Amino acid sequence: MGLLTERVAIITGASKGIGRVMSQMFAREGARVICAARSEALVNETATLIKDAGGDAVAVVADASTEDGARAVADAGIRAFGRIDTLVNNAGDGGPTRPVQDYTIDDWFYTVNSCLTSAYLCTRFTVPAMIASGRGAIVNIASMAGRRGLAYRVGYCAAKGGQIGMTNGLALELGRHNITVNAIAPGAVEGDRIDRVIKGQADLRGVDIERMRQSFVDRSPLRRMSTAEDIASLAVFLCSDHARNISGQCIPVTAGEPA
């Protein structure tokens, strides 16, 4: 048996990167997975990869930052598997890298809604099913940017800081329903997103991209970035019975860099 046997898990932002890796890992650990994302082709590909490997998954094309989209994700899980007891709020766009005076209102709302509003809405629409199931586990994929900040990323820092605050409040609110709520705060994670961040930081500071990349690596004692697998492994643990008494925590994954 896997760590998540008999779980029914929604994973948002499941089209690529951490979300795709997490969807596959949850399925390997026995969960039935609702893969949700805005990109139809990519999220269908994620679900197909899981099914081809012997897992159980459905794809849902929806924008989780809207009420209709988040409700559709929850409804799809109930239709497919009859219940929901696990939610990973992974959806979100990092938004632009630019000085605050150039950070437009559209930049702000797009970034905050994609990261923070989506987490709130998906939680809102899945909690009733978790209460009905008698248990639940919610994991918010936040960021160290929400704890220590990152220059030129005001919307992203605000959204991720909001996810951490929401985690704390929901853990207190939902504990009586046997629902745990935790956050994971990655540092730099290998992939397309950190590549865009590094380029944006390098351009604004007028330094070489590889020099900027090395600065992200050098600040971690393990001298490496984290991987999507690192984040997914912790999410699996937090959604399993091994973590049934862990709630209200924000756990850094930073290759050893102090939080």
Protein backbone atom coordinates (compact mmCIF):
# COMPACT_ATOMS: atom_id res chain seq x y z
CA MET A 1 0.00 0.00 0.00
CA GLY A 2 1.10 3.54 -0.75
CA LEU A 3 1.11 6.46 1.64
CA LEU A 4 -2.03 7.87 0.02
CA THR A 5 -4.07 4.75 -0.70
CA GLU A 6 -7.81 5.55 -0.67
CA ARG A 7 -7.19 9.31 -0.80
CA VAL A 8 -8.95 11.47 -3.37
CA ALA A 9 -6.70 14.42 -4.14
CA ILE A 10 -7.19 17.64 -6.08
CA ILE A 11 -3.95 19.16 -7.35
CA THR A 12 -4.20 22.54 -9.02
CA GLY A 13 -1.66 23.83 -11.47
CA ALA A 14 -1.22 20.24 -12.63
CA SER A 15 -0.28 21.00 -16.23
CA LYS A 16 3.50 21.06 -15.79
CA GLY A 17 6.39 21.55 -13.37
CA ILE A 18 5.73 20.89 -9.68
CA GLY A 19 2.04 20.25 -10.32
CA ARG A 20 2.64 17.52 -12.86
CA VAL A 21 5.34 15.84 -10.78
CA MET A 22 3.13 16.02 -7.72
CA SER A 23 0.12 14.56 -9.56
CA GLN A 24 2.20 11.61 -10.72
CA MET A 25 3.75 11.04 -7.29
CA PHE A 26 0.38 11.19 -5.52
CA ALA A 27 -0.98 8.62 -7.97
CA ARG A 28 2.01 6.33 -7.41
CA GLU A 29 1.29 6.52 -3.68
CA GLY A 30 -2.26 5.30 -4.28
CA ALA A 31 -4.30 8.49 -4.53
CA ARG A 32 -6.98 9.06 -7.11
CA VAL A 33 -6.07 12.42 -8.57
CA ILE A 34 -8.09 15.30 -9.97
CA CYS A 35 -5.57 17.21 -12.12
CA ALA A 36 -6.72 20.80 -12.58
CA ALA A 37 -5.24 23.54 -14.74
CA ARG A 38 -6.13 26.15 -17.34
CA SER A 39 -4.20 24.52 -20.20
CA GLU A 40 -6.36 21.78 -21.72
CA ALA A 41 -3.66 20.01 -23.71
CA LEU A 42 -1.11 19.96 -20.89
CA VAL A 43 -3.46 18.94 -18.07
CA ASN A 44 -4.92 16.16 -20.23
CA GLU A 45 -1.36 15.01 -20.85
CA THR A 46 -0.71 14.86 -17.10
CA ALA A 47 -3.80 12.72 -16.52
CA THR A 48 -2.86 10.46 -19.43
CA LEU A 49 0.64 9.93 -18.05
CA ILE A 50 -0.87 8.85 -14.73
CA LYS A 51 -3.35 6.46 -16.33
CA ASP A 52 -0.73 4.99 -18.64
CA ALA A 53 1.34 4.20 -15.53
CA GLY A 54 -1.59 2.37 -13.94
CA GLY A 55 -2.92 5.22 -11.81
CA ASP A 56 -6.36 6.77 -11.54
CA ALA A 57 -6.81 10.37 -12.63
CA VAL A 58 -9.16 12.82 -14.31
CA ALA A 59 -8.29 16.13 -15.91
CA VAL A 60 -10.28 19.28 -15.28
CA VAL A 61 -9.80 22.38 -17.40
CA ALA A 62 -10.64 25.37 -15.23
CA ASP A 63 -9.35 28.68 -13.93
CA ALA A 64 -9.17 28.11 -10.18
CA SER A 65 -8.88 31.85 -9.52
CA THR A 66 -12.57 32.28 -10.40
CA GLU A 67 -15.57 31.07 -8.43
CA ASP A 68 -16.95 29.13 -11.37
CA GLY A 69 -13.60 27.51 -12.07
CA ALA A 70 -12.87 26.50 -8.48
CA ARG A 71 -16.39 25.16 -8.05
CA ALA A 72 -16.02 23.15 -11.26
CA VAL A 73 -12.83 21.53 -9.95
CA ALA A 74 -14.49 20.44 -6.71
CA ASP A 75 -17.63 19.24 -8.52
CA ALA A 76 -15.52 17.20 -10.95
CA GLY A 77 -13.82 15.42 -8.05
CA ILE A 78 -17.13 14.50 -6.48
CA ARG A 79 -18.53 13.28 -9.79
CA ALA A 80 -15.47 11.18 -10.58
CA PHE A 81 -14.69 9.67 -7.18
CA GLY A 82 -17.59 10.43 -4.86
CA ARG A 83 -15.61 12.46 -2.32
CA ILE A 84 -12.60 14.72 -1.74
CA ASP A 85 -10.24 14.51 1.22
CA THR A 86 -7.02 16.06 -0.07
CA LEU A 87 -6.23 19.39 -1.71
CA VAL A 88 -2.92 20.81 -2.88
CA ASN A 89 -3.17 24.47 -3.85
CA ASN A 90 -0.31 24.65 -6.31
CA ALA A 91 -1.81 26.89 -9.01
CA GLY A 92 -0.28 30.28 -9.55
CA ASP A 93 1.75 32.46 -11.85
CA GLY A 94 4.83 34.24 -10.57
CA GLY A 95 3.93 37.46 -12.35
CA PRO A 96 6.43 40.00 -13.64
CA THR A 97 9.78 41.09 -12.24
CA ARG A 98 9.77 44.89 -12.18
CA PRO A 99 10.10 47.84 -9.79
CA VAL A 100 7.01 48.62 -7.73
CA GLN A 101 6.53 51.98 -9.47
CA ASP A 102 6.19 50.10 -12.76
CA TYR A 103 4.11 47.24 -11.33
CA THR A 104 0.65 47.88 -12.76
CA ILE A 105 -2.68 47.20 -11.11
CA ASP A 106 -3.30 44.49 -13.71
CA ASP A 107 0.03 42.85 -12.79
CA TRP A 108 -0.97 42.98 -9.12
CA PHE A 109 -4.44 41.47 -9.44
CA TYR A 110 -3.35 38.83 -11.94
CA THR A 111 -0.55 37.61 -9.67
CA VAL A 112 -2.49 37.78 -6.42
CA ASN A 113 -5.55 36.12 -7.91
CA SER A 114 -3.64 33.32 -9.61
CA CYS A 115 -1.71 32.41 -6.43
CA LEU A 116 -3.81 33.46 -3.44
CA THR A 117 -7.41 33.80 -4.58
CA SER A 118 -7.24 30.40 -6.27
CA ALA A 119 -6.09 28.80 -3.00
CA TYR A 120 -8.89 30.45 -1.05
CA LEU A 121 -11.56 29.47 -3.59
CA CYS A 122 -10.47 25.86 -3.97
CA THR A 123 -10.37 25.52 -0.19
CA ARG A 124 -13.81 27.10 0.12
CA PHE A 125 -15.38 24.67 -2.32
CA THR A 126 -13.63 21.49 -1.14
CA VAL A 127 -13.94 21.88 2.64
CA PRO A 128 -17.60 20.75 2.70
CA ALA A 129 -16.60 17.47 1.03
CA MET A 130 -13.74 17.00 3.50
CA ILE A 131 -16.06 17.57 6.44
CA ALA A 132 -18.42 14.98 4.96
CA SER A 133 -15.50 12.55 4.61
CA GLY A 134 -14.54 13.03 8.26
CA ARG A 135 -10.98 14.02 7.42
CA GLY A 136 -8.92 16.22 5.17
CA ALA A 137 -5.47 17.50 4.33
CA ILE A 138 -4.80 20.83 2.63
CA VAL A 139 -1.33 21.87 1.49
CA ASN A 140 -0.63 25.34 0.13
CA ILE A 141 2.44 25.65 -2.07
CA ALA A 142 3.71 29.02 -0.90
CA SER A 143 7.26 30.38 -1.30
CA MET A 144 10.15 31.72 0.68
CA ALA A 145 9.38 34.97 -1.14
CA GLY A 146 6.36 35.19 1.15
CA ARG A 147 8.57 34.96 4.25
CA ARG A 148 11.73 36.91 3.48
CA GLY A 149 10.74 38.84 0.35
CA LEU A 150 12.36 39.21 -3.05
CA ALA A 151 13.08 42.54 -4.72
CA TYR A 152 11.00 43.54 -7.75
CA ARG A 153 8.39 40.84 -7.02
CA VAL A 154 5.87 42.73 -4.90
CA GLY A 155 2.75 40.92 -6.13
CA TYR A 156 4.27 37.47 -5.78
CA CYS A 157 5.65 38.20 -2.31
CA ALA A 158 2.27 39.52 -1.19
CA ALA A 159 0.38 36.55 -2.60
CA LYS A 160 2.68 33.97 -1.06
CA GLY A 161 2.73 35.78 2.27
CA GLY A 162 -1.04 35.69 2.12
CA GLN A 163 -1.02 31.95 1.56
CA ILE A 164 1.07 31.48 4.69
CA GLY A 165 -1.29 33.63 6.76
CA MET A 166 -4.28 31.77 5.34
CA THR A 167 -2.65 28.48 6.30
CA ASN A 168 -2.34 29.58 9.91
CA GLY A 169 -5.93 30.77 10.15
CA LEU A 170 -7.44 27.75 8.42
CA ALA A 171 -5.49 25.32 10.59
CA LEU A 172 -7.16 26.86 13.65
CA GLU A 173 -10.57 26.93 12.00
CA LEU A 174 -10.63 23.45 10.47
CA GLY A 175 -8.85 21.39 13.10
CA ARG A 176 -12.14 20.51 14.78
CA HIS A 177 -13.17 18.80 11.54
CA ASN A 178 -10.02 16.62 11.48
CA ILE A 179 -8.60 18.68 8.62
CA THR A 180 -4.92 19.58 8.63
CA VAL A 181 -3.67 22.67 6.82
CA ASN A 182 0.01 23.25 6.09
CA ALA A 183 2.18 25.24 3.71
CA ILE A 184 5.37 24.40 1.87
CA ALA A 185 7.72 27.31 1.19
CA PRO A 186 10.19 26.41 -1.55
CA GLY A 187 13.27 28.45 -2.22
CA ALA A 188 14.66 28.32 -5.75
CA VAL A 189 13.25 25.32 -7.63
CA GLU A 190 14.80 24.15 -10.88
CA GLY A 191 12.56 24.79 -13.87
CA ASP A 192 11.11 27.37 -16.24
CA ARG A 193 9.80 29.68 -13.51
CA ILE A 194 13.11 30.23 -11.74
CA ASP A 195 14.76 30.70 -15.13
CA ARG A 196 12.36 33.59 -15.82
CA VAL A 197 12.94 35.06 -12.35
CA ILE A 198 16.71 34.87 -12.74
CA LYS A 199 16.59 36.56 -16.13
CA GLY A 200 14.33 39.30 -14.79
CA GLN A 201 16.59 39.91 -11.79
CA ALA A 202 19.70 39.90 -13.97
CA ASP A 203 18.19 42.37 -16.45
CA LEU A 204 17.08 44.78 -13.73
CA ARG A 205 20.40 44.64 -11.89
CA GLY A 206 22.50 44.75 -15.05
CA VAL A 207 24.42 41.54 -14.31
CA ASP A 208 25.13 38.39 -16.26
CA ILE A 209 22.38 35.75 -16.13
CA GLU A 210 24.75 32.95 -15.12
CA ARG A 211 26.21 35.09 -12.37
CA MET A 212 22.71 35.75 -11.07
CA ARG A 213 21.87 32.04 -11.28
CA GLN A 214 24.99 31.14 -9.33
CA SER A 215 24.02 33.63 -6.61
CA PHE A 216 20.78 31.69 -6.06
CA VAL A 217 22.78 28.46 -5.71
CA ASP A 218 25.57 29.87 -3.55
CA ARG A 219 23.28 31.09 -0.79
CA SER A 220 22.17 27.53 0.02
CA PRO A 221 24.49 25.37 2.16
CA LEU A 222 23.83 22.34 -0.05
CA ARG A 223 24.90 24.39 -3.09
CA ARG A 224 21.97 23.35 -5.22
CA MET A 225 18.44 24.31 -6.05
CA SER A 226 15.51 22.19 -4.98
CA THR A 227 13.60 20.07 -7.48
CA ALA A 228 9.92 19.48 -8.14
CA GLU A 229 10.37 16.02 -6.63
CA ASP A 230 11.59 17.57 -3.37
CA ILE A 231 8.39 19.62 -3.09
CA ALA A 232 6.14 16.76 -4.15
CA SER A 233 7.68 14.34 -1.63
CA LEU A 234 6.95 16.70 1.25
CA ALA A 235 3.40 17.26 0.01
CA VAL A 236 2.82 13.49 -0.06
CA PHE A 237 4.02 13.23 3.52
CA LEU A 238 1.86 16.11 4.72
CA CYS A 239 -1.22 14.56 3.13
CA SER A 240 -0.55 11.11 4.61
CA ASP A 241 -1.45 9.63 7.99
CA HIS A 242 2.18 10.09 9.03
CA ALA A 243 1.43 13.82 9.30
CA ARG A 244 -2.01 13.55 10.90
CA ASN A 245 -0.87 15.60 13.90
CA ILE A 246 0.96 18.28 11.93
CA SER A 247 -1.07 21.38 11.13
CA GLY A 248 -0.59 25.12 10.88
CA GLN A 249 3.03 24.78 9.77
CA CYS A 250 5.00 26.47 6.99
CA ILE A 251 7.89 24.19 6.08
CA PRO A 252 10.80 25.64 4.06
CA VAL A 253 12.44 23.59 1.30
CA THR A 254 15.57 25.61 0.62
CA ALA A 255 18.54 23.23 0.23
CA GLY A 256 19.58 24.19 3.73
CA GLU A 257 19.27 27.99 3.46
CA PRO A 258 18.00 29.46 6.76
CA ALA A 259 14.37 30.49 6.65
